[in-house]
Amino acid sequence: MKLVYDDTGRCVMEGDTVKTFRGDLCEIVSFVKPHKCSSTGVIYVKQNNTIIGFYPSVVGASWID
């Protein structure tokens, strides 16, 4: 299972600079795979020197097998 950007299919990597659906820039710090089929997992981003957890869809990403 890997996390990819919906628009390009490229793998999400720690350190990537991404834009949220609101247009805010942030840096991918880490991510956690879904622990069950009904989960989306979580990504952690650094925004304004604060670490925030988001659903992957907030930055246009999703998990694929």
C-alpha atoms as a PDB file:
ATOM      1  CA  MET A   1       0.000   0.000   0.000  1.00  0.00           C
ATOM      2  CA  LYS A   2       1.377   3.411  -0.936  1.00  0.00           C
ATOM      3  CA  LEU A   3       0.233   7.011  -0.698  1.00  0.00           C
ATOM      4  CA  VAL A   4       0.062   8.857  -4.036  1.00  0.00           C
ATOM      5  CA  TYR A   5      -1.052  12.254  -5.284  1.00  0.00           C
ATOM      6  CA  ASP A   6      -4.405  11.976  -7.073  1.00  0.00           C
ATOM      7  CA  ASP A   7      -3.495  14.339  -9.922  1.00  0.00           C
ATOM      8  CA  THR A   8      -0.064  12.898 -10.834  1.00  0.00           C
ATOM      9  CA  GLY A   9       0.082   9.399  -9.348  1.00  0.00           C
ATOM     10  CA  ARG A  10       3.478  10.272  -7.839  1.00  0.00           C
ATOM     11  CA  CYS A  11       4.295   8.796  -4.418  1.00  0.00           C
ATOM     12  CA  VAL A  12       3.981  11.139  -1.440  1.00  0.00           C
ATOM     13  CA  MET A  13       7.382  11.603   0.214  1.00  0.00           C
ATOM     14  CA  GLU A  14       8.384  13.128   3.533  1.00  0.00           C
ATOM     15  CA  GLY A  15       9.668  16.642   2.889  1.00  0.00           C
ATOM     16  CA  ASP A  16       7.297  17.322  -0.028  1.00  0.00           C
ATOM     17  CA  THR A  17       5.835  20.804  -0.098  1.00  0.00           C
ATOM     18  CA  VAL A  18       2.126  20.591  -0.860  1.00  0.00           C
ATOM     19  CA  LYS A  19      -0.887  22.830  -1.031  1.00  0.00           C
ATOM     20  CA  THR A  20      -4.051  22.041   0.919  1.00  0.00           C
ATOM     21  CA  PHE A  21      -7.478  22.346  -0.669  1.00  0.00           C
ATOM     22  CA  ARG A  22      -7.676  25.757   1.028  1.00  0.00           C
ATOM     23  CA  GLY A  23      -4.499  26.880  -0.743  1.00  0.00           C
ATOM     24  CA  ASP A  24      -2.200  26.797   2.307  1.00  0.00           C
ATOM     25  CA  LEU A  25       1.376  25.586   1.747  1.00  0.00           C
ATOM     26  CA  CYS A  26       2.743  22.965   4.121  1.00  0.00           C
ATOM     27  CA  GLU A  27       5.473  20.323   4.314  1.00  0.00           C
ATOM     28  CA  ILE A  28       4.784  16.590   4.647  1.00  0.00           C
ATOM     29  CA  VAL A  29       6.410  15.395   7.888  1.00  0.00           C
ATOM     30  CA  SER A  30       5.113  11.803   8.049  1.00  0.00           C
ATOM     31  CA  PHE A  31       2.103   9.622   7.327  1.00  0.00           C
ATOM     32  CA  VAL A  32       0.427   6.541   8.791  1.00  0.00           C
ATOM     33  CA  LYS A  33      -1.278   3.835   6.741  1.00  0.00           C
ATOM     34  CA  PRO A  34      -4.932   3.044   7.427  1.00  0.00           C
ATOM     35  CA  HIS A  35      -5.248   0.471  10.213  1.00  0.00           C
ATOM     36  CA  LYS A  36      -8.515  -0.969   8.852  1.00  0.00           C
ATOM     37  CA  CYS A  37     -10.481  -0.794   5.609  1.00  0.00           C
ATOM     38  CA  SER A  38     -12.820   1.947   6.848  1.00  0.00           C
ATOM     39  CA  SER A  39      -9.887   4.206   7.838  1.00  0.00           C
ATOM     40  CA  THR A  40      -8.202   6.790   5.593  1.00  0.00           C
ATOM     41  CA  GLY A  41      -4.944   6.929   7.510  1.00  0.00           C
ATOM     42  CA  VAL A  42      -3.413  10.266   8.419  1.00  0.00           C
ATOM     43  CA  ILE A  43      -0.716  12.595   7.167  1.00  0.00           C
ATOM     44  CA  TYR A  44       1.225  14.953   9.387  1.00  0.00           C
ATOM     45  CA  VAL A  45       2.280  18.292   7.967  1.00  0.00           C
ATOM     46  CA  LYS A  46       4.273  21.225   9.238  1.00  0.00           C
ATOM     47  CA  GLN A  47       2.475  24.527   8.788  1.00  0.00           C
ATOM     48  CA  ASN A  48       3.670  27.734  10.460  1.00  0.00           C
ATOM     49  CA  ASN A  49       6.057  25.704  12.680  1.00  0.00           C
ATOM     50  CA  THR A  50       3.158  23.573  13.944  1.00  0.00           C
ATOM     51  CA  ILE A  51       2.614  19.864  13.216  1.00  0.00           C
ATOM     52  CA  ILE A  52      -0.977  19.134  12.165  1.00  0.00           C
ATOM     53  CA  GLY A  53      -2.668  15.833  11.267  1.00  0.00           C
ATOM     54  CA  PHE A  54      -4.893  15.756   8.174  1.00  0.00           C
ATOM     55  CA  TYR A  55      -6.784  13.236   6.112  1.00  0.00           C
ATOM     56  CA  PRO A  56      -4.781  12.515   2.920  1.00  0.00           C
ATOM     57  CA  SER A  57      -7.538  14.021   0.753  1.00  0.00           C
ATOM     58  CA  VAL A  58      -6.788  17.468   2.246  1.00  0.00           C
ATOM     59  CA  VAL A  59      -3.621  17.553   0.115  1.00  0.00           C
ATOM     60  CA  GLY A  60      -5.091  15.605  -2.818  1.00  0.00           C
ATOM     61  CA  ALA A  61      -3.637  12.205  -1.941  1.00  0.00           C
ATOM     62  CA  SER A  62      -5.006   8.702  -1.455  1.00  0.00           C
ATOM     63  CA  TRP A  63      -3.798   5.190  -0.664  1.00  0.00           C
ATOM     64  CA  ILE A  64      -3.499   2.548  -3.397  1.00  0.00           C
ATOM     65  CA  ASP A  65      -2.506  -1.132  -3.227  1.00  0.00           C
END
